[in-house]
Amino acid sequence: MNSDSQKIEIAKKFAELHNAPFALWTPEKDYLSEDERYLAAYDNLLMGVYGDCYGINAEYDEAGDLITEATEFEVNVDRFETTDDHSEMFYFEITSELTGMGKFIEEHGKHGDW
């Protein structure tokens, strides 16, 4: 799992791709700090709130069962949301020990059951 500082950096990079101000598309609540807002955005990124989050390096057996949990992920940022009016794929990694989050993301993204 990424450290909080890594999660914040991923969320900041994701936010930089967007045309709308960060505060407009993040959860509406009182945050103790701006870092907490970025951590909430990171969680939403993983959960598919901003678009389907797919594991791109997961491995499956012939039956379609997950063998190796993904550590690299992608989310499509639609063109109307980006700063340069072009669709972009946002890539990020979950580092350190595997926690099952990659499996959770991959299974939900694969079956479209967010």
N, C-alpha and C. Protein backbone atom coordinates (compact mmCIF):
# COMPACT_ATOMS: atom_id res chain seq x y z
N MET A 1 0.85 -1.18 0.00
CA MET A 1 0.00 0.00 0.00
C MET A 1 0.89 1.23 0.00
N ASN A 2 0.48 2.23 -0.70
CA ASN A 2 1.24 3.47 -0.75
C ASN A 2 1.15 4.21 0.58
N SER A 3 2.20 4.94 0.90
CA SER A 3 2.17 5.80 2.08
C SER A 3 1.24 6.97 1.79
N ASP A 4 0.84 7.68 2.84
CA ASP A 4 -0.04 8.84 2.64
C ASP A 4 0.60 9.86 1.70
N SER A 5 1.90 10.08 1.83
CA SER A 5 2.55 11.08 0.96
C SER A 5 2.52 10.61 -0.50
N GLN A 6 2.67 9.30 -0.76
CA GLN A 6 2.57 8.79 -2.12
C GLN A 6 1.14 8.94 -2.65
N LYS A 7 0.15 8.65 -1.81
CA LYS A 7 -1.25 8.78 -2.21
C LYS A 7 -1.57 10.23 -2.57
N ILE A 8 -1.07 11.16 -1.77
CA ILE A 8 -1.30 12.58 -2.02
C ILE A 8 -0.68 13.00 -3.34
N GLU A 9 0.53 12.52 -3.63
CA GLU A 9 1.20 12.86 -4.89
C GLU A 9 0.42 12.30 -6.08
N ILE A 10 -0.08 11.08 -5.95
CA ILE A 10 -0.89 10.49 -7.03
C ILE A 10 -2.15 11.33 -7.26
N ALA A 11 -2.83 11.70 -6.18
CA ALA A 11 -4.04 12.51 -6.29
C ALA A 11 -3.74 13.88 -6.90
N LYS A 12 -2.61 14.48 -6.53
CA LYS A 12 -2.24 15.79 -7.10
C LYS A 12 -1.98 15.67 -8.60
N LYS A 13 -1.29 14.62 -9.01
CA LYS A 13 -1.03 14.43 -10.44
C LYS A 13 -2.33 14.20 -11.20
N PHE A 14 -3.24 13.46 -10.60
CA PHE A 14 -4.55 13.24 -11.22
C PHE A 14 -5.31 14.57 -11.33
N ALA A 15 -5.26 15.37 -10.29
CA ALA A 15 -5.95 16.66 -10.27
C ALA A 15 -5.40 17.61 -11.34
N GLU A 16 -4.10 17.53 -11.60
CA GLU A 16 -3.47 18.42 -12.58
C GLU A 16 -4.01 18.20 -14.00
N LEU A 17 -4.56 17.03 -14.27
CA LEU A 17 -5.09 16.74 -15.60
C LEU A 17 -6.45 17.38 -15.85
N HIS A 18 -7.09 17.85 -14.79
CA HIS A 18 -8.46 18.32 -14.89
C HIS A 18 -8.57 19.82 -15.08
N ASN A 19 -9.57 20.19 -15.86
CA ASN A 19 -9.86 21.58 -16.13
C ASN A 19 -10.55 22.26 -14.94
N ALA A 20 -11.48 21.56 -14.32
CA ALA A 20 -12.25 22.12 -13.19
C ALA A 20 -11.38 22.16 -11.94
N PRO A 21 -11.56 23.16 -11.10
CA PRO A 21 -10.80 23.23 -9.85
C PRO A 21 -11.03 21.98 -9.00
N PHE A 22 -9.98 21.55 -8.35
CA PHE A 22 -9.97 20.33 -7.54
C PHE A 22 -11.12 20.29 -6.54
N ALA A 23 -11.38 21.38 -5.88
CA ALA A 23 -12.42 21.42 -4.84
C ALA A 23 -13.82 21.16 -5.40
N LEU A 24 -14.04 21.39 -6.70
CA LEU A 24 -15.36 21.19 -7.30
C LEU A 24 -15.70 19.72 -7.52
N TRP A 25 -14.71 18.88 -7.70
CA TRP A 25 -15.01 17.48 -8.00
C TRP A 25 -14.53 16.51 -6.93
N THR A 26 -14.19 17.02 -5.76
CA THR A 26 -13.85 16.17 -4.64
C THR A 26 -15.03 16.15 -3.66
N PRO A 27 -15.06 15.16 -2.79
CA PRO A 27 -16.20 15.03 -1.87
C PRO A 27 -16.46 16.31 -1.08
N GLU A 28 -17.72 16.60 -0.91
CA GLU A 28 -18.16 17.80 -0.19
C GLU A 28 -18.22 17.50 1.30
N LYS A 29 -17.25 17.96 2.04
CA LYS A 29 -17.23 17.79 3.50
C LYS A 29 -16.16 18.69 4.09
N ASP A 30 -16.12 18.78 5.39
CA ASP A 30 -15.09 19.57 6.05
C ASP A 30 -13.84 18.71 6.24
N TYR A 31 -12.72 19.19 5.74
CA TYR A 31 -11.45 18.50 5.87
C TYR A 31 -10.58 19.24 6.87
N LEU A 32 -9.82 18.49 7.65
CA LEU A 32 -8.90 19.12 8.60
C LEU A 32 -7.72 19.76 7.88
N SER A 33 -7.41 19.25 6.69
CA SER A 33 -6.30 19.79 5.92
C SER A 33 -6.54 19.51 4.44
N GLU A 34 -5.77 20.17 3.60
CA GLU A 34 -5.84 19.92 2.16
C GLU A 34 -5.35 18.50 1.86
N ASP A 35 -4.41 18.01 2.66
CA ASP A 35 -3.93 16.64 2.48
C ASP A 35 -5.06 15.64 2.65
N GLU A 36 -5.94 15.86 3.60
CA GLU A 36 -7.09 14.97 3.79
C GLU A 36 -7.98 14.95 2.56
N ARG A 37 -8.14 16.10 1.91
CA ARG A 37 -8.94 16.17 0.69
C ARG A 37 -8.28 15.33 -0.41
N TYR A 38 -6.96 15.42 -0.53
CA TYR A 38 -6.25 14.63 -1.53
C TYR A 38 -6.34 13.14 -1.21
N LEU A 39 -6.28 12.76 0.06
CA LEU A 39 -6.41 11.36 0.43
C LEU A 39 -7.81 10.83 0.08
N ALA A 40 -8.83 11.66 0.27
CA ALA A 40 -10.19 11.27 -0.11
C ALA A 40 -10.28 11.10 -1.64
N ALA A 41 -9.63 11.99 -2.38
CA ALA A 41 -9.63 11.88 -3.84
C ALA A 41 -8.91 10.61 -4.28
N TYR A 42 -7.83 10.25 -3.61
CA TYR A 42 -7.11 9.02 -3.93
C TYR A 42 -8.03 7.81 -3.72
N ASP A 43 -8.72 7.77 -2.60
CA ASP A 43 -9.64 6.67 -2.33
C ASP A 43 -10.73 6.60 -3.40
N ASN A 44 -11.26 7.75 -3.80
CA ASN A 44 -12.28 7.79 -4.84
C ASN A 44 -11.72 7.34 -6.19
N LEU A 45 -10.47 7.67 -6.46
CA LEU A 45 -9.81 7.23 -7.68
C LEU A 45 -9.78 5.71 -7.73
N LEU A 46 -9.39 5.07 -6.64
CA LEU A 46 -9.35 3.61 -6.57
C LEU A 46 -10.72 2.97 -6.69
N MET A 47 -11.71 3.62 -6.12
CA MET A 47 -13.06 3.05 -6.09
C MET A 47 -13.86 3.30 -7.37
N GLY A 48 -13.26 3.98 -8.34
CA GLY A 48 -13.92 4.19 -9.62
C GLY A 48 -14.87 5.37 -9.67
N VAL A 49 -14.81 6.25 -8.68
CA VAL A 49 -15.69 7.42 -8.67
C VAL A 49 -15.41 8.33 -9.86
N TYR A 50 -14.14 8.43 -10.28
CA TYR A 50 -13.76 9.33 -11.36
C TYR A 50 -13.62 8.59 -12.70
N GLY A 51 -14.07 7.38 -12.77
CA GLY A 51 -13.96 6.55 -13.96
C GLY A 51 -13.43 5.19 -13.56
N ASP A 52 -13.70 4.21 -14.40
CA ASP A 52 -13.26 2.85 -14.08
C ASP A 52 -11.74 2.79 -13.92
N CYS A 53 -11.32 2.16 -12.85
CA CYS A 53 -9.91 2.01 -12.51
C CYS A 53 -9.54 0.56 -12.82
N TYR A 54 -8.64 0.36 -13.77
CA TYR A 54 -8.27 -0.98 -14.21
C TYR A 54 -6.82 -1.30 -13.84
N GLY A 55 -6.61 -2.51 -13.36
CA GLY A 55 -5.26 -3.01 -13.16
C GLY A 55 -4.72 -3.47 -14.50
N ILE A 56 -3.59 -2.92 -14.92
CA ILE A 56 -3.09 -3.24 -16.26
C ILE A 56 -2.04 -4.34 -16.28
N ASN A 57 -1.53 -4.73 -15.13
CA ASN A 57 -0.52 -5.78 -15.14
C ASN A 57 -0.96 -7.01 -14.33
N ALA A 58 -2.25 -7.17 -14.14
CA ALA A 58 -2.76 -8.36 -13.47
C ALA A 58 -2.62 -9.55 -14.41
N GLU A 59 -2.47 -10.73 -13.83
CA GLU A 59 -2.38 -11.94 -14.63
C GLU A 59 -3.53 -12.88 -14.26
N TYR A 60 -4.10 -13.52 -15.30
CA TYR A 60 -5.23 -14.42 -15.13
C TYR A 60 -4.90 -15.80 -15.69
N ASP A 61 -5.53 -16.81 -15.14
CA ASP A 61 -5.37 -18.14 -15.71
C ASP A 61 -6.38 -18.30 -16.85
N GLU A 62 -6.40 -19.49 -17.46
CA GLU A 62 -7.28 -19.73 -18.61
C GLU A 62 -8.75 -19.62 -18.26
N ALA A 63 -9.09 -19.86 -17.00
CA ALA A 63 -10.49 -19.77 -16.57
C ALA A 63 -10.90 -18.34 -16.25
N GLY A 64 -9.94 -17.40 -16.32
CA GLY A 64 -10.24 -16.01 -16.03
C GLY A 64 -10.10 -15.64 -14.56
N ASP A 65 -9.56 -16.55 -13.77
CA ASP A 65 -9.34 -16.26 -12.35
C ASP A 65 -8.02 -15.52 -12.17
N LEU A 66 -8.02 -14.58 -11.25
CA LEU A 66 -6.85 -13.76 -10.99
C LEU A 66 -5.72 -14.59 -10.38
N ILE A 67 -4.54 -14.51 -10.99
CA ILE A 67 -3.35 -15.21 -10.48
C ILE A 67 -2.46 -14.23 -9.73
N THR A 68 -2.15 -13.11 -10.39
CA THR A 68 -1.25 -12.11 -9.81
C THR A 68 -1.97 -10.78 -9.73
N GLU A 69 -2.01 -10.23 -8.55
CA GLU A 69 -2.67 -8.96 -8.29
C GLU A 69 -1.96 -7.82 -9.03
N ALA A 70 -2.73 -6.91 -9.58
CA ALA A 70 -2.18 -5.75 -10.28
C ALA A 70 -1.51 -4.79 -9.31
N THR A 71 -0.46 -4.15 -9.79
CA THR A 71 0.20 -3.08 -9.04
C THR A 71 0.21 -1.78 -9.84
N GLU A 72 -0.10 -1.87 -11.13
CA GLU A 72 -0.17 -0.71 -12.01
C GLU A 72 -1.61 -0.54 -12.47
N PHE A 73 -2.09 0.71 -12.43
CA PHE A 73 -3.49 0.98 -12.72
C PHE A 73 -3.64 2.13 -13.70
N GLU A 74 -4.80 2.19 -14.36
CA GLU A 74 -5.10 3.28 -15.28
C GLU A 74 -6.55 3.71 -15.12
N VAL A 75 -6.77 5.00 -15.33
CA VAL A 75 -8.10 5.59 -15.31
C VAL A 75 -8.16 6.54 -16.50
N ASN A 76 -9.21 6.42 -17.30
CA ASN A 76 -9.38 7.32 -18.43
C ASN A 76 -9.95 8.65 -17.95
N VAL A 77 -9.32 9.74 -18.33
CA VAL A 77 -9.82 11.08 -18.03
C VAL A 77 -10.43 11.60 -19.34
N ASP A 78 -11.75 11.78 -19.34
CA ASP A 78 -12.44 12.21 -20.55
C ASP A 78 -11.96 13.57 -21.02
N ARG A 79 -12.07 13.77 -22.29
CA ARG A 79 -11.55 14.99 -22.92
C ARG A 79 -12.21 16.25 -22.36
N PHE A 80 -13.50 16.21 -22.04
CA PHE A 80 -14.16 17.41 -21.53
C PHE A 80 -13.68 17.77 -20.12
N GLU A 81 -13.00 16.84 -19.45
CA GLU A 81 -12.50 17.10 -18.10
C GLU A 81 -11.05 17.57 -18.08
N THR A 82 -10.32 17.40 -19.17
CA THR A 82 -8.88 17.68 -19.17
C THR A 82 -8.58 19.13 -19.48
N THR A 83 -7.36 19.52 -19.16
CA THR A 83 -6.93 20.90 -19.41
C THR A 83 -6.60 21.15 -20.87
N ASP A 84 -6.26 20.09 -21.63
CA ASP A 84 -5.87 20.31 -23.03
C ASP A 84 -6.90 19.78 -24.03
N ASP A 85 -8.11 19.46 -23.58
CA ASP A 85 -9.22 19.04 -24.43
C ASP A 85 -8.93 17.74 -25.19
N HIS A 86 -8.10 16.87 -24.62
CA HIS A 86 -7.84 15.54 -25.19
C HIS A 86 -8.02 14.51 -24.08
N SER A 87 -8.63 13.38 -24.41
CA SER A 87 -8.71 12.29 -23.44
C SER A 87 -7.30 11.83 -23.09
N GLU A 88 -7.11 11.48 -21.84
CA GLU A 88 -5.81 11.00 -21.40
C GLU A 88 -6.00 9.82 -20.47
N MET A 89 -5.05 8.90 -20.52
CA MET A 89 -5.02 7.81 -19.57
C MET A 89 -4.10 8.24 -18.43
N PHE A 90 -4.61 8.10 -17.22
CA PHE A 90 -3.82 8.40 -16.04
C PHE A 90 -3.32 7.07 -15.47
N TYR A 91 -2.01 6.94 -15.34
CA TYR A 91 -1.38 5.72 -14.82
C TYR A 91 -0.81 5.99 -13.44
N PHE A 92 -0.93 5.00 -12.56
CA PHE A 92 -0.29 5.09 -11.25
C PHE A 92 -0.02 3.69 -10.74
N GLU A 93 0.84 3.61 -9.73
CA GLU A 93 1.22 2.34 -9.14
C GLU A 93 0.87 2.30 -7.67
N ILE A 94 0.52 1.11 -7.21
CA ILE A 94 0.40 0.86 -5.78
C ILE A 94 1.66 0.08 -5.41
N THR A 95 2.45 0.65 -4.54
CA THR A 95 3.74 0.06 -4.21
C THR A 95 3.72 -0.59 -2.83
N SER A 96 4.83 -1.11 -2.42
CA SER A 96 5.02 -1.79 -1.14
C SER A 96 4.31 -3.13 -1.15
N GLU A 97 3.95 -3.61 0.03
CA GLU A 97 3.33 -4.93 0.11
C GLU A 97 1.92 -4.90 -0.46
N LEU A 98 1.53 -6.02 -1.05
CA LEU A 98 0.18 -6.13 -1.59
C LEU A 98 -0.79 -6.31 -0.45
N THR A 99 -1.93 -5.66 -0.55
CA THR A 99 -2.90 -5.69 0.55
C THR A 99 -4.25 -6.26 0.13
N GLY A 100 -4.38 -6.61 -1.12
CA GLY A 100 -5.68 -7.05 -1.60
C GLY A 100 -6.44 -5.95 -2.31
N MET A 101 -5.99 -4.69 -2.18
CA MET A 101 -6.69 -3.58 -2.84
C MET A 101 -6.61 -3.74 -4.35
N GLY A 102 -5.44 -4.16 -4.86
CA GLY A 102 -5.31 -4.37 -6.30
C GLY A 102 -6.29 -5.43 -6.79
N LYS A 103 -6.44 -6.51 -6.04
CA LYS A 103 -7.39 -7.56 -6.39
C LYS A 103 -8.81 -7.02 -6.36
N PHE A 104 -9.14 -6.24 -5.35
CA PHE A 104 -10.47 -5.65 -5.25
C PHE A 104 -10.75 -4.76 -6.45
N ILE A 105 -9.81 -3.89 -6.79
CA ILE A 105 -9.99 -2.97 -7.92
C ILE A 105 -10.13 -3.76 -9.22
N GLU A 106 -9.23 -4.71 -9.41
CA GLU A 106 -9.23 -5.47 -10.64
C GLU A 106 -10.53 -6.27 -10.81
N GLU A 107 -10.99 -6.91 -9.78
CA GLU A 107 -12.22 -7.69 -9.86
C GLU A 107 -13.42 -6.82 -10.17
N HIS A 108 -13.52 -5.67 -9.54
CA HIS A 108 -14.66 -4.78 -9.80
C HIS A 108 -14.58 -4.17 -11.19
N GLY A 109 -13.39 -3.76 -11.59
CA GLY A 109 -13.24 -3.18 -12.92
C GLY A 109 -13.49 -4.20 -14.01
N LYS A 110 -13.03 -5.43 -13.78
CA LYS A 110 -13.20 -6.49 -14.79
C LYS A 110 -14.67 -6.81 -15.02
N HIS A 111 -15.44 -6.82 -13.96
CA HIS A 111 -16.85 -7.19 -14.07
C HIS A 111 -17.79 -5.99 -14.14
N GLY A 112 -17.27 -4.79 -13.99
CA GLY A 112 -18.09 -3.58 -14.09
C GLY A 112 -19.10 -3.44 -12.98
N ASP A 113 -18.82 -4.01 -11.80
CA ASP A 113 -19.80 -3.96 -10.72
C ASP A 113 -19.39 -2.98 -9.63
N TRP A 114 -19.19 -1.73 -10.01
CA TRP A 114 -18.83 -0.71 -9.03
C TRP A 114 -20.05 -0.37 -8.26
